[in-house]
Amino acid sequence: MRLFKLIVSDIRQKSRWCYESDDARSILKTLLTDGTLAMVLFRLMEASRRARLAPLGMVFNKMNVVLSGCIIGRGAEFGPGFVLIHAQGVVINGNVKGGSNVHIEHQVTIGAERRQTPVLGNDVFIGAGAKVIGAVHIGDGARIGANAVVVHDVAPHTTVVGIPARPVVRREERAAALTAAN
């Protein structure tokens, strides 16, 4: 996906998350919110790496640290719809791979353990202060609660909370139960 389309996709996704709309007014508000600059700088860093312009990528990386308080390693990759709801204190290892529509709150760490890093699926939400550490896979549609510490795989469409994180609900099972009750 071309850089401009990727940035637009990220901003539209954040606008829908924050304001439940991606109309012009919501997009303008999104452009002025915390985290949006960090998202754009990340995409510029990612594009610089792909174009083999490592020094430029390093500049965007350092700008993100200084201007947004956000550290995203130069090799990290995320699909379209990458959203930093708040960027302050976010730390993402450079080997992390994430799918589309990944939403991250402030003070989140997605890091390595013994050089093994997490892989995030599509439509993942990570709550404020959560830590995702090591060779774990976060399934599509998973939600990680605030301050949870994830050290084991998270099944698709599952919400996890606590230290260490444990499942509290699978949304597919809950939807089936509600349908059966009606």
N, C-alpha and C. Protein backbone atom coordinates (compact mmCIF):
# COMPACT_ATOMS: atom_id res chain seq x y z
N MET A 1 0.86 -1.18 0.00
CA MET A 1 0.00 0.00 0.00
C MET A 1 0.89 1.23 0.00
N ARG A 2 0.58 2.18 -0.80
CA ARG A 2 1.36 3.40 -0.88
C ARG A 2 1.28 4.19 0.42
N LEU A 3 2.34 4.95 0.68
CA LEU A 3 2.49 5.67 1.94
C LEU A 3 1.29 6.56 2.25
N PHE A 4 0.88 7.38 1.31
CA PHE A 4 -0.22 8.31 1.55
C PHE A 4 -1.50 7.56 1.90
N LYS A 5 -1.81 6.49 1.14
CA LYS A 5 -3.02 5.71 1.42
C LYS A 5 -2.95 5.05 2.79
N LEU A 6 -1.77 4.61 3.17
CA LEU A 6 -1.58 3.99 4.48
C LEU A 6 -1.83 4.99 5.61
N ILE A 7 -1.27 6.18 5.47
CA ILE A 7 -1.48 7.23 6.47
C ILE A 7 -2.95 7.62 6.56
N VAL A 8 -3.59 7.77 5.41
CA VAL A 8 -5.03 8.11 5.39
C VAL A 8 -5.84 7.00 6.06
N SER A 9 -5.50 5.74 5.77
CA SER A 9 -6.19 4.61 6.40
C SER A 9 -6.06 4.66 7.92
N ASP A 10 -4.85 4.94 8.41
CA ASP A 10 -4.62 5.03 9.85
C ASP A 10 -5.45 6.16 10.47
N ILE A 11 -5.44 7.32 9.84
CA ILE A 11 -6.15 8.47 10.38
C ILE A 11 -7.66 8.25 10.35
N ARG A 12 -8.17 7.68 9.28
CA ARG A 12 -9.61 7.38 9.21
C ARG A 12 -10.01 6.37 10.29
N GLN A 13 -9.18 5.36 10.50
CA GLN A 13 -9.48 4.36 11.53
C GLN A 13 -9.49 5.00 12.92
N LYS A 14 -8.51 5.87 13.18
CA LYS A 14 -8.48 6.56 14.48
C LYS A 14 -9.69 7.47 14.64
N SER A 15 -10.08 8.14 13.58
CA SER A 15 -11.25 9.01 13.63
C SER A 15 -12.51 8.21 13.94
N ARG A 16 -12.66 7.05 13.32
CA ARG A 16 -13.83 6.21 13.61
C ARG A 16 -13.80 5.71 15.05
N TRP A 17 -12.60 5.40 15.55
CA TRP A 17 -12.46 4.93 16.93
C TRP A 17 -12.80 6.04 17.93
N CYS A 18 -12.23 7.22 17.71
CA CYS A 18 -12.38 8.32 18.67
C CYS A 18 -13.71 9.06 18.54
N TYR A 19 -14.20 9.22 17.31
CA TYR A 19 -15.37 10.09 17.08
C TYR A 19 -16.53 9.39 16.38
N GLU A 20 -16.38 8.08 16.17
CA GLU A 20 -17.41 7.27 15.53
C GLU A 20 -17.81 7.80 14.16
N SER A 21 -16.88 8.46 13.50
CA SER A 21 -17.13 9.00 12.17
C SER A 21 -15.79 9.30 11.50
N ASP A 22 -15.79 9.29 10.18
CA ASP A 22 -14.60 9.74 9.47
C ASP A 22 -14.96 10.85 8.48
N ASP A 23 -15.95 11.68 8.90
CA ASP A 23 -16.28 12.85 8.09
C ASP A 23 -15.18 13.90 8.26
N ALA A 24 -15.25 14.96 7.49
CA ALA A 24 -14.19 15.97 7.46
C ALA A 24 -13.93 16.57 8.85
N ARG A 25 -14.99 16.87 9.59
CA ARG A 25 -14.82 17.46 10.92
C ARG A 25 -14.10 16.50 11.88
N SER A 26 -14.49 15.23 11.85
CA SER A 26 -13.86 14.23 12.71
C SER A 26 -12.40 14.01 12.32
N ILE A 27 -12.12 14.00 11.02
CA ILE A 27 -10.73 13.85 10.56
C ILE A 27 -9.89 15.02 11.06
N LEU A 28 -10.41 16.24 10.98
CA LEU A 28 -9.68 17.41 11.46
C LEU A 28 -9.38 17.29 12.95
N LYS A 29 -10.38 16.88 13.73
CA LYS A 29 -10.16 16.70 15.16
C LYS A 29 -9.10 15.62 15.41
N THR A 30 -9.15 14.55 14.63
CA THR A 30 -8.19 13.46 14.77
C THR A 30 -6.78 13.94 14.48
N LEU A 31 -6.63 14.78 13.47
CA LEU A 31 -5.30 15.30 13.13
C LEU A 31 -4.70 16.10 14.28
N LEU A 32 -5.53 16.65 15.15
CA LEU A 32 -5.06 17.48 16.24
C LEU A 32 -4.97 16.73 17.58
N THR A 33 -5.28 15.43 17.58
CA THR A 33 -5.25 14.69 18.83
C THR A 33 -3.89 14.05 19.08
N ASP A 34 -3.67 13.74 20.36
CA ASP A 34 -2.46 13.05 20.78
C ASP A 34 -2.37 11.70 20.06
N GLY A 35 -1.19 11.34 19.66
CA GLY A 35 -0.96 10.05 19.03
C GLY A 35 -0.92 10.09 17.52
N THR A 36 -1.61 11.03 16.90
CA THR A 36 -1.67 11.07 15.44
C THR A 36 -0.30 11.38 14.85
N LEU A 37 0.42 12.33 15.42
CA LEU A 37 1.76 12.63 14.92
C LEU A 37 2.65 11.39 15.02
N ALA A 38 2.56 10.67 16.11
CA ALA A 38 3.37 9.46 16.28
C ALA A 38 3.04 8.42 15.20
N MET A 39 1.76 8.30 14.84
CA MET A 39 1.36 7.37 13.79
C MET A 39 1.98 7.75 12.46
N VAL A 40 1.92 9.05 12.13
CA VAL A 40 2.47 9.53 10.86
C VAL A 40 3.99 9.35 10.84
N LEU A 41 4.66 9.70 11.93
CA LEU A 41 6.12 9.53 11.98
C LEU A 41 6.51 8.06 11.87
N PHE A 42 5.71 7.18 12.47
CA PHE A 42 5.98 5.74 12.32
C PHE A 42 5.88 5.33 10.86
N ARG A 43 4.84 5.77 10.17
CA ARG A 43 4.67 5.40 8.75
C ARG A 43 5.81 5.96 7.90
N LEU A 44 6.26 7.17 8.20
CA LEU A 44 7.40 7.75 7.46
C LEU A 44 8.67 6.95 7.73
N MET A 45 8.85 6.51 8.98
CA MET A 45 10.01 5.69 9.33
C MET A 45 9.95 4.35 8.60
N GLU A 46 8.78 3.75 8.58
CA GLU A 46 8.57 2.46 7.91
C GLU A 46 8.85 2.59 6.41
N ALA A 47 8.37 3.67 5.78
CA ALA A 47 8.60 3.89 4.35
C ALA A 47 10.09 4.14 4.07
N SER A 48 10.76 4.83 4.96
CA SER A 48 12.20 5.08 4.80
C SER A 48 12.97 3.77 4.84
N ARG A 49 12.58 2.89 5.73
CA ARG A 49 13.25 1.59 5.82
C ARG A 49 13.05 0.79 4.54
N ARG A 50 11.82 0.78 4.03
CA ARG A 50 11.52 0.04 2.80
C ARG A 50 12.27 0.61 1.60
N ALA A 51 12.50 1.93 1.63
CA ALA A 51 13.24 2.58 0.53
C ALA A 51 14.75 2.51 0.75
N ARG A 52 15.15 1.81 1.81
CA ARG A 52 16.57 1.65 2.16
C ARG A 52 17.25 2.99 2.44
N LEU A 53 16.51 3.85 3.12
CA LEU A 53 17.03 5.15 3.54
C LEU A 53 17.15 5.14 5.06
N ALA A 54 18.03 4.28 5.55
CA ALA A 54 18.16 4.07 7.00
C ALA A 54 18.41 5.35 7.79
N PRO A 55 19.28 6.25 7.33
CA PRO A 55 19.48 7.48 8.13
C PRO A 55 18.20 8.31 8.27
N LEU A 56 17.41 8.37 7.21
CA LEU A 56 16.15 9.11 7.28
C LEU A 56 15.18 8.41 8.23
N GLY A 57 15.14 7.09 8.19
CA GLY A 57 14.31 6.33 9.11
C GLY A 57 14.69 6.59 10.55
N MET A 58 16.00 6.70 10.80
CA MET A 58 16.47 6.98 12.15
C MET A 58 16.02 8.37 12.61
N VAL A 59 16.02 9.33 11.69
CA VAL A 59 15.56 10.68 12.02
C VAL A 59 14.10 10.65 12.43
N PHE A 60 13.25 9.96 11.65
CA PHE A 60 11.83 9.86 12.00
C PHE A 60 11.64 9.13 13.33
N ASN A 61 12.45 8.11 13.57
CA ASN A 61 12.40 7.38 14.83
C ASN A 61 12.69 8.30 16.01
N LYS A 62 13.75 9.08 15.91
CA LYS A 62 14.12 9.99 17.01
C LYS A 62 13.11 11.12 17.16
N MET A 63 12.55 11.60 16.05
CA MET A 63 11.50 12.62 16.14
C MET A 63 10.30 12.09 16.92
N ASN A 64 9.97 10.82 16.70
CA ASN A 64 8.85 10.21 17.41
C ASN A 64 9.11 10.17 18.91
N VAL A 65 10.34 9.85 19.29
CA VAL A 65 10.70 9.81 20.71
C VAL A 65 10.58 11.20 21.32
N VAL A 66 11.17 12.18 20.67
CA VAL A 66 11.23 13.54 21.22
C VAL A 66 9.86 14.23 21.19
N LEU A 67 9.15 14.13 20.07
CA LEU A 67 7.90 14.87 19.92
C LEU A 67 6.68 14.16 20.49
N SER A 68 6.73 12.82 20.55
CA SER A 68 5.54 12.07 20.97
C SER A 68 5.74 11.22 22.21
N GLY A 69 6.99 11.07 22.67
CA GLY A 69 7.24 10.21 23.82
C GLY A 69 6.94 8.76 23.51
N CYS A 70 7.15 8.37 22.28
CA CYS A 70 6.77 7.05 21.77
C CYS A 70 7.99 6.40 21.12
N ILE A 71 8.30 5.17 21.51
CA ILE A 71 9.44 4.47 20.94
C ILE A 71 8.93 3.27 20.15
N ILE A 72 9.11 3.32 18.83
CA ILE A 72 8.74 2.20 17.97
C ILE A 72 10.00 1.83 17.20
N GLY A 73 10.45 0.60 17.38
CA GLY A 73 11.67 0.14 16.71
C GLY A 73 11.56 0.25 15.20
N ARG A 74 12.71 0.46 14.56
CA ARG A 74 12.72 0.73 13.13
C ARG A 74 12.29 -0.44 12.25
N GLY A 75 12.22 -1.64 12.76
CA GLY A 75 11.79 -2.78 11.95
C GLY A 75 10.35 -3.20 12.18
N ALA A 76 9.65 -2.54 13.10
CA ALA A 76 8.26 -2.91 13.41
C ALA A 76 7.38 -2.70 12.18
N GLU A 77 6.39 -3.58 12.02
CA GLU A 77 5.47 -3.46 10.89
C GLU A 77 4.04 -3.67 11.36
N PHE A 78 3.14 -2.83 10.85
CA PHE A 78 1.72 -2.96 11.13
C PHE A 78 0.96 -2.74 9.84
N GLY A 79 -0.18 -3.42 9.70
CA GLY A 79 -1.02 -3.25 8.53
C GLY A 79 -1.77 -1.93 8.59
N PRO A 80 -2.62 -1.69 7.59
CA PRO A 80 -3.40 -0.44 7.57
C PRO A 80 -4.33 -0.36 8.77
N GLY A 81 -4.63 0.86 9.18
CA GLY A 81 -5.51 1.08 10.33
C GLY A 81 -4.78 0.99 11.66
N PHE A 82 -3.47 1.24 11.67
CA PHE A 82 -2.68 1.26 12.90
C PHE A 82 -3.03 2.52 13.68
N VAL A 83 -3.49 2.36 14.94
CA VAL A 83 -3.95 3.51 15.72
C VAL A 83 -3.23 3.57 17.07
N LEU A 84 -2.60 4.70 17.32
CA LEU A 84 -2.09 5.01 18.65
C LEU A 84 -3.09 5.99 19.25
N ILE A 85 -3.93 5.49 20.13
CA ILE A 85 -4.97 6.35 20.71
C ILE A 85 -4.31 7.47 21.49
N HIS A 86 -3.32 7.12 22.31
CA HIS A 86 -2.43 8.08 22.96
C HIS A 86 -1.04 7.49 22.82
N ALA A 87 -0.06 8.29 22.46
CA ALA A 87 1.27 7.76 22.16
C ALA A 87 2.22 7.77 23.35
N GLN A 88 1.94 8.57 24.35
CA GLN A 88 2.89 8.74 25.47
C GLN A 88 3.23 7.42 26.13
N GLY A 89 4.52 7.11 26.19
CA GLY A 89 4.99 5.94 26.89
C GLY A 89 4.88 4.62 26.14
N VAL A 90 4.43 4.65 24.89
CA VAL A 90 4.34 3.42 24.10
C VAL A 90 5.75 2.98 23.70
N VAL A 91 6.04 1.69 23.89
CA VAL A 91 7.33 1.12 23.50
C VAL A 91 7.03 -0.15 22.70
N ILE A 92 7.48 -0.20 21.45
CA ILE A 92 7.26 -1.35 20.59
C ILE A 92 8.59 -1.80 20.02
N ASN A 93 8.95 -3.06 20.25
CA ASN A 93 10.19 -3.63 19.75
C ASN A 93 10.21 -3.61 18.22
N GLY A 94 11.39 -3.45 17.66
CA GLY A 94 11.56 -3.36 16.21
C GLY A 94 11.26 -4.62 15.44
N ASN A 95 11.07 -5.75 16.11
CA ASN A 95 10.76 -7.00 15.40
C ASN A 95 9.29 -7.37 15.48
N VAL A 96 8.48 -6.53 16.09
CA VAL A 96 7.05 -6.82 16.24
C VAL A 96 6.35 -6.70 14.90
N LYS A 97 5.44 -7.64 14.63
CA LYS A 97 4.61 -7.62 13.43
C LYS A 97 3.16 -7.57 13.87
N GLY A 98 2.40 -6.68 13.26
CA GLY A 98 0.98 -6.55 13.60
C GLY A 98 0.13 -6.49 12.36
N GLY A 99 -1.08 -6.95 12.48
CA GLY A 99 -2.02 -6.95 11.36
C GLY A 99 -2.69 -5.59 11.18
N SER A 100 -3.85 -5.62 10.56
CA SER A 100 -4.63 -4.42 10.29
C SER A 100 -5.48 -4.05 11.51
N ASN A 101 -5.76 -2.77 11.64
CA ASN A 101 -6.65 -2.25 12.67
C ASN A 101 -6.22 -2.63 14.08
N VAL A 102 -4.96 -2.38 14.37
CA VAL A 102 -4.43 -2.59 15.72
C VAL A 102 -4.55 -1.25 16.46
N HIS A 103 -5.20 -1.26 17.62
CA HIS A 103 -5.42 -0.06 18.43
C HIS A 103 -4.63 -0.18 19.72
N ILE A 104 -3.82 0.83 20.02
CA ILE A 104 -2.95 0.79 21.19
C ILE A 104 -3.14 2.04 22.03
N GLU A 105 -3.39 1.83 23.33
CA GLU A 105 -3.50 2.93 24.28
C GLU A 105 -2.12 3.34 24.78
N HIS A 106 -2.06 4.30 25.67
CA HIS A 106 -0.80 4.83 26.21
C HIS A 106 -0.14 3.85 27.19
N GLN A 107 1.16 4.03 27.38
CA GLN A 107 1.97 3.26 28.32
C GLN A 107 2.01 1.76 28.01
N VAL A 108 1.78 1.38 26.77
CA VAL A 108 1.81 -0.03 26.36
C VAL A 108 3.23 -0.42 25.96
N THR A 109 3.64 -1.61 26.36
CA THR A 109 4.92 -2.17 25.92
C THR A 109 4.66 -3.46 25.16
N ILE A 110 5.19 -3.54 23.96
CA ILE A 110 5.14 -4.78 23.17
C ILE A 110 6.60 -5.12 22.90
N GLY A 111 7.12 -6.07 23.68
CA GLY A 111 8.56 -6.26 23.68
C GLY A 111 9.03 -7.69 23.57
N ALA A 112 10.32 -7.81 23.43
CA ALA A 112 10.98 -9.10 23.24
C ALA A 112 11.36 -9.74 24.57
N GLU A 113 11.46 -11.05 24.52
CA GLU A 113 12.06 -11.81 25.59
C GLU A 113 12.96 -12.85 24.91
N ARG A 114 14.25 -12.78 25.21
CA ARG A 114 15.23 -13.66 24.57
C ARG A 114 15.12 -13.59 23.05
N ARG A 115 15.02 -12.39 22.54
CA ARG A 115 14.96 -12.11 21.09
C ARG A 115 13.71 -12.64 20.39
N GLN A 116 12.72 -13.04 21.16
CA GLN A 116 11.45 -13.51 20.62
C GLN A 116 10.41 -12.42 20.83
N THR A 117 9.67 -12.06 19.78
CA THR A 117 8.73 -10.95 19.86
C THR A 117 7.31 -11.37 19.52
N PRO A 118 6.34 -10.61 19.99
CA PRO A 118 4.93 -10.91 19.72
C PRO A 118 4.55 -10.70 18.25
N VAL A 119 3.51 -11.41 17.86
CA VAL A 119 2.86 -11.22 16.57
C VAL A 119 1.40 -10.92 16.88
N LEU A 120 0.90 -9.81 16.37
CA LEU A 120 -0.47 -9.39 16.63
C LEU A 120 -1.32 -9.60 15.39
N GLY A 121 -2.51 -10.14 15.58
CA GLY A 121 -3.43 -10.35 14.47
C GLY A 121 -4.14 -9.07 14.08
N ASN A 122 -5.22 -9.21 13.35
CA ASN A 122 -6.05 -8.09 12.91
C ASN A 122 -7.08 -7.74 13.98
N ASP A 123 -7.49 -6.47 13.99
CA ASP A 123 -8.56 -6.00 14.88
C ASP A 123 -8.27 -6.26 16.35
N VAL A 124 -7.05 -5.93 16.76
CA VAL A 124 -6.60 -6.13 18.14
C VAL A 124 -6.64 -4.80 18.89
N PHE A 125 -7.08 -4.85 20.15
CA PHE A 125 -7.05 -3.68 21.03
C PHE A 125 -6.17 -4.00 22.23
N ILE A 126 -5.26 -3.06 22.56
CA ILE A 126 -4.39 -3.23 23.73
C ILE A 126 -4.62 -2.04 24.65
N GLY A 127 -5.12 -2.31 25.86
CA GLY A 127 -5.48 -1.27 26.81
C GLY A 127 -4.29 -0.61 27.48
N ALA A 128 -4.54 0.52 28.10
CA ALA A 128 -3.52 1.35 28.73
C ALA A 128 -2.67 0.54 29.72
N GLY A 129 -1.36 0.71 29.61
CA GLY A 129 -0.44 0.10 30.55
C GLY A 129 -0.18 -1.38 30.35
N ALA A 130 -0.79 -1.99 29.36
CA ALA A 130 -0.60 -3.43 29.14
C ALA A 130 0.81 -3.72 28.64
N LYS A 131 1.26 -4.95 28.92
CA LYS A 131 2.56 -5.42 28.47
C LYS A 131 2.34 -6.73 27.73
N VAL A 132 2.89 -6.82 26.52
CA VAL A 132 2.83 -8.05 25.72
C VAL A 132 4.28 -8.41 25.45
N ILE A 133 4.72 -9.53 26.04
CA ILE A 133 6.14 -9.84 26.08
C ILE A 133 6.42 -11.24 25.53
N GLY A 134 7.44 -11.33 24.67
CA GLY A 134 7.94 -12.62 24.21
C GLY A 134 7.25 -13.15 22.97
N ALA A 135 7.49 -14.44 22.72
CA ALA A 135 7.01 -15.10 21.50
C ALA A 135 5.55 -15.50 21.65
N VAL A 136 4.67 -14.51 21.77
CA VAL A 136 3.25 -14.80 21.91
C VAL A 136 2.52 -14.37 20.64
N HIS A 137 1.42 -15.04 20.37
CA HIS A 137 0.57 -14.68 19.24
C HIS A 137 -0.74 -14.16 19.80
N ILE A 138 -1.12 -12.97 19.36
CA ILE A 138 -2.39 -12.37 19.77
C ILE A 138 -3.35 -12.55 18.60
N GLY A 139 -4.40 -13.34 18.81
CA GLY A 139 -5.32 -13.69 17.74
C GLY A 139 -6.16 -12.53 17.26
N ASP A 140 -6.73 -12.70 16.07
CA ASP A 140 -7.61 -11.69 15.48
C ASP A 140 -8.76 -11.37 16.44
N GLY A 141 -9.06 -10.09 16.57
CA GLY A 141 -10.19 -9.65 17.38
C GLY A 141 -9.96 -9.72 18.88
N ALA A 142 -8.74 -10.00 19.31
CA ALA A 142 -8.46 -10.09 20.75
C ALA A 142 -8.44 -8.71 21.39
N ARG A 143 -8.74 -8.70 22.69
CA ARG A 143 -8.68 -7.46 23.48
C ARG A 143 -7.85 -7.74 24.72
N ILE A 144 -6.92 -6.84 24.98
CA ILE A 144 -6.05 -6.98 26.14
C ILE A 144 -6.39 -5.85 27.09
N GLY A 145 -6.80 -6.19 28.29
CA GLY A 145 -7.24 -5.21 29.27
C GLY A 145 -6.11 -4.33 29.78
N ALA A 146 -6.50 -3.21 30.36
CA ALA A 146 -5.54 -2.27 30.92
C ALA A 146 -4.67 -2.96 31.96
N ASN A 147 -3.37 -2.69 31.90
CA ASN A 147 -2.37 -3.19 32.83
C ASN A 147 -2.17 -4.71 32.82
N ALA A 148 -2.75 -5.40 31.86
CA ALA A 148 -2.55 -6.85 31.76
C ALA A 148 -1.11 -7.12 31.34
N VAL A 149 -0.60 -8.27 31.75
CA VAL A 149 0.73 -8.71 31.34
C VAL A 149 0.56 -10.01 30.57
N VAL A 150 0.74 -9.95 29.27
CA VAL A 150 0.51 -11.10 28.40
C VAL A 150 1.83 -11.81 28.14
N VAL A 151 1.91 -13.08 28.59
CA VAL A 151 3.10 -13.88 28.37
C VAL A 151 2.75 -15.22 27.70
N HIS A 152 1.46 -15.41 27.36
CA HIS A 152 1.00 -16.61 26.67
C HIS A 152 0.12 -16.17 25.50
N ASP A 153 -0.06 -17.05 24.53
CA ASP A 153 -0.90 -16.74 23.37
C ASP A 153 -2.31 -16.35 23.82
N VAL A 154 -2.94 -15.48 23.02
CA VAL A 154 -4.32 -15.08 23.26
C VAL A 154 -5.13 -15.55 22.06
N ALA A 155 -6.15 -16.35 22.32
CA ALA A 155 -6.99 -16.91 21.26
C ALA A 155 -7.77 -15.79 20.55
N PRO A 156 -8.14 -16.01 19.31
CA PRO A 156 -8.95 -15.01 18.60
C PRO A 156 -10.23 -14.68 19.36
N HIS A 157 -10.63 -13.42 19.28
CA HIS A 157 -11.89 -12.92 19.85
C HIS A 157 -12.01 -13.15 21.36
N THR A 158 -10.86 -13.12 22.03
CA THR A 158 -10.83 -13.33 23.47
C THR A 158 -10.35 -12.07 24.17
N THR A 159 -10.96 -11.77 25.31
CA THR A 159 -10.51 -10.66 26.15
C THR A 159 -9.72 -11.25 27.31
N VAL A 160 -8.52 -10.68 27.55
CA VAL A 160 -7.69 -11.13 28.66
C VAL A 160 -7.41 -9.97 29.60
N VAL A 161 -7.29 -10.29 30.90
CA VAL A 161 -6.98 -9.29 31.92
C VAL A 161 -6.07 -9.92 32.97
N GLY A 162 -5.41 -9.08 33.75
CA GLY A 162 -4.67 -9.55 34.90
C GLY A 162 -3.19 -9.76 34.68
N ILE A 163 -2.54 -10.21 35.78
CA ILE A 163 -1.10 -10.46 35.78
C ILE A 163 -0.88 -11.84 36.37
N PRO A 164 -0.47 -12.81 35.60
CA PRO A 164 -0.40 -12.81 34.15
C PRO A 164 -1.82 -12.80 33.55
N ALA A 165 -1.91 -12.35 32.31
CA ALA A 165 -3.22 -12.22 31.66
C ALA A 165 -3.89 -13.58 31.52
N ARG A 166 -5.20 -13.58 31.80
CA ARG A 166 -6.00 -14.79 31.65
C ARG A 166 -7.30 -14.43 30.95
N PRO A 167 -7.87 -15.36 30.21
CA PRO A 167 -9.10 -15.05 29.47
C PRO A 167 -10.28 -14.82 30.42
N VAL A 168 -11.10 -13.84 30.10
CA VAL A 168 -12.32 -13.62 30.87
C VAL A 168 -13.56 -13.80 30.03
N VAL A 169 -13.44 -13.63 28.73
CA VAL A 169 -14.60 -13.82 27.86
C VAL A 169 -14.14 -14.03 26.42
N ARG A 170 -14.85 -14.93 25.76
CA ARG A 170 -14.69 -15.09 24.30
C ARG A 170 -15.95 -14.51 23.69
N ARG A 171 -15.81 -13.49 22.87
CA ARG A 171 -16.97 -12.80 22.33
C ARG A 171 -17.83 -13.69 21.46
N GLU A 172 -17.27 -14.68 20.76
CA GLU A 172 -18.07 -15.60 19.94
C GLU A 172 -19.01 -16.42 20.83
N GLU A 173 -18.47 -16.93 21.97
CA GLU A 173 -19.29 -17.72 22.89
C GLU A 173 -20.38 -16.86 23.51
N ARG A 174 -20.05 -15.64 23.86
CA ARG A 174 -21.02 -14.73 24.47
C ARG A 174 -22.14 -14.41 23.49
N ALA A 175 -21.78 -14.14 22.23
CA ALA A 175 -22.79 -13.84 21.20
C ALA A 175 -23.68 -15.05 20.98
N ALA A 176 -23.13 -16.26 20.97
CA ALA A 176 -23.93 -17.47 20.79
C ALA A 176 -24.88 -17.65 21.96
N ALA A 177 -24.41 -17.40 23.18
CA ALA A 177 -25.26 -17.53 24.36
C ALA A 177 -26.42 -16.54 24.34
N LEU A 178 -26.14 -15.31 23.92
CA LEU A 178 -27.20 -14.30 23.83
C LEU A 178 -28.22 -14.67 22.77
N THR A 179 -27.75 -15.20 21.67
CA THR A 179 -28.66 -15.61 20.58
C THR A 179 -29.54 -16.77 21.04
N ALA A 180 -28.95 -17.73 21.75
CA ALA A 180 -29.69 -18.89 22.25
C ALA A 180 -30.73 -18.48 23.27
N ALA A 181 -30.44 -17.46 24.08
CA ALA A 181 -31.37 -17.00 25.13
C ALA A 181 -32.58 -16.30 24.52
N ASN A 182 -32.42 -15.74 23.33
CA ASN A 182 -33.53 -15.01 22.69
C ASN A 182 -34.29 -15.94 21.87
